[in-house]
Amino acid sequence: QVQPAESGGGVVQAGDSLTPSCSVSGVTFVGDDMVAWYRQAPGKKREVIGAITWDAGSRHYADSMRGRFTIYRNYHENRAWLHMTGLNPGDTAIYYCNIQRGDVVYWGQGTQVTVSS
């Protein structure tokens, strides 16, 4: 069973940076896997931030997320990260990663990010 696990959320000040990570327990990423990051703010729908293909490392971002968010992965650590800069209170949300393996998507439980002004 593929089970992503996010970590590295927290409470930060406006203007800070934060880099939550996504790892998979017991299973190694394989070449065709794609890791995507989403977020869901209170009272809002879950929205996509972007994704990275595991093998080629190609990154794709939602238009509204370009510029302050960078997704990257490390083969040896079996882990992906979402680097966020210039955080503002509007970025307060639960941040989720998912792993897309073929036609199946595996979701993590999310990590809370709270940005205070």
Protein backbone atom coordinates (compact mmCIF):
# COMPACT_ATOMS: atom_id res chain seq x y z
CA GLN A 1 0.00 0.00 0.00
CA VAL A 2 1.44 3.34 -1.07
CA GLN A 3 1.01 5.87 1.70
CA PRO A 4 2.34 9.40 1.26
CA ALA A 5 3.17 11.32 4.39
CA GLU A 6 3.53 15.07 4.57
CA SER A 7 5.56 16.82 7.24
CA GLY A 8 7.17 20.16 7.86
CA GLY A 9 4.14 22.40 8.19
CA GLY A 10 3.88 24.90 11.01
CA VAL A 11 3.16 28.45 12.07
CA VAL A 12 5.22 31.13 10.37
CA GLN A 13 5.24 34.90 9.99
CA ALA A 14 4.24 36.75 6.85
CA GLY A 15 7.21 36.93 4.51
CA ASP A 16 8.76 33.71 5.78
CA SER A 17 9.61 30.61 3.76
CA LEU A 18 8.67 27.02 4.51
CA THR A 19 9.42 23.70 2.85
CA PRO A 20 7.10 20.83 3.73
CA SER A 21 8.07 17.40 2.47
CA CYS A 22 6.32 14.32 1.13
CA SER A 23 7.66 10.82 1.66
CA VAL A 24 6.35 7.35 1.06
CA SER A 25 6.72 4.67 3.70
CA GLY A 26 7.65 1.16 2.70
CA VAL A 27 7.55 1.78 -1.04
CA THR A 28 10.08 3.34 -3.36
CA PHE A 29 9.06 5.83 -5.95
CA VAL A 30 9.28 4.47 -9.48
CA GLY A 31 9.97 6.29 -12.70
CA ASP A 32 6.43 6.95 -13.92
CA ASP A 33 5.18 8.24 -10.59
CA MET A 34 4.10 11.83 -10.35
CA VAL A 35 4.05 13.74 -7.09
CA ALA A 36 1.59 16.62 -6.87
CA TRP A 37 0.95 19.21 -4.20
CA TYR A 38 -2.44 20.66 -3.35
CA ARG A 39 -3.77 22.90 -0.64
CA GLN A 40 -7.12 23.53 0.96
CA ALA A 41 -7.86 26.69 2.86
CA PRO A 42 -10.71 26.88 5.39
CA GLY A 43 -14.05 27.02 3.61
CA LYS A 44 -12.49 26.67 0.16
CA LYS A 45 -12.06 23.90 -2.36
CA ARG A 46 -8.83 21.98 -2.65
CA GLU A 47 -6.64 23.57 -5.31
CA VAL A 48 -3.65 22.28 -7.18
CA ILE A 49 -0.26 23.89 -6.72
CA GLY A 50 1.81 21.84 -9.10
CA ALA A 51 3.43 18.49 -9.79
CA ILE A 52 6.72 16.85 -10.63
CA THR A 53 7.39 13.69 -12.60
CA TRP A 54 9.62 11.39 -10.59
CA ASP A 55 11.83 10.12 -13.37
CA ALA A 56 12.41 13.18 -15.52
CA GLY A 57 11.86 15.75 -12.80
CA SER A 58 9.63 17.86 -15.06
CA ARG A 59 7.68 20.45 -13.10
CA HIS A 60 4.26 21.86 -13.86
CA TYR A 61 2.51 24.59 -11.89
CA ALA A 62 -0.93 26.09 -11.78
CA ASP A 63 -0.80 29.59 -13.25
CA SER A 64 -1.81 31.19 -9.96
CA MET A 65 1.00 29.38 -8.13
CA ARG A 66 3.92 30.32 -10.33
CA GLY A 67 6.72 32.29 -8.78
CA ARG A 68 6.55 31.55 -5.05
CA PHE A 69 6.29 27.75 -5.09
CA THR A 70 8.92 25.26 -6.22
CA ILE A 71 8.53 21.49 -6.22
CA TYR A 72 11.56 19.24 -6.23
CA ARG A 73 12.45 15.67 -5.42
CA ASN A 74 15.43 13.63 -4.34
CA TYR A 75 15.94 10.08 -5.60
CA HIS A 76 18.13 8.94 -2.74
CA GLU A 77 15.89 10.28 0.00
CA ASN A 78 12.72 8.99 -1.65
CA ARG A 79 11.13 12.31 -0.89
CA ALA A 80 9.66 15.38 -2.55
CA TRP A 81 9.38 18.93 -1.23
CA LEU A 82 7.31 22.03 -1.74
CA HIS A 83 9.43 25.13 -1.21
CA MET A 84 7.29 28.20 -0.49
CA THR A 85 8.56 31.76 -0.23
CA GLY A 86 7.00 35.10 0.61
CA LEU A 87 4.21 33.49 2.58
CA ASN A 88 1.17 35.58 3.48
CA PRO A 89 -1.96 34.87 5.54
CA GLY A 90 -3.76 33.88 2.33
CA ASP A 91 -1.47 30.87 2.13
CA THR A 92 -2.88 29.45 5.36
CA ALA A 93 -4.18 25.99 4.45
CA ILE A 94 -3.68 22.28 4.80
CA TYR A 95 -1.08 21.22 2.27
CA TYR A 96 -1.40 17.78 0.72
CA CYS A 97 0.77 15.70 -1.53
CA ASN A 98 -0.45 12.87 -3.67
CA ILE A 99 1.29 10.21 -5.66
CA GLN A 100 -0.12 9.30 -9.03
CA ARG A 101 0.85 5.80 -10.05
CA GLY A 102 -0.84 4.80 -13.27
CA ASP A 103 -4.57 5.40 -12.85
CA VAL A 104 -4.42 5.38 -9.07
CA VAL A 105 -3.90 8.38 -6.82
CA TYR A 106 -2.71 8.06 -3.24
CA TRP A 107 -3.31 10.96 -0.86
CA GLY A 108 -1.52 11.88 2.30
CA GLN A 109 -3.18 13.26 5.42
CA GLY A 110 -1.89 16.77 4.91
CA THR A 111 0.19 19.18 6.95
CA GLN A 112 -1.13 22.45 8.35
CA VAL A 113 0.55 25.70 7.39
CA THR A 114 -0.54 28.82 9.23
CA VAL A 115 0.80 32.24 8.28
CA SER A 116 0.35 35.04 10.79
CA SER A 117 0.46 38.71 9.84
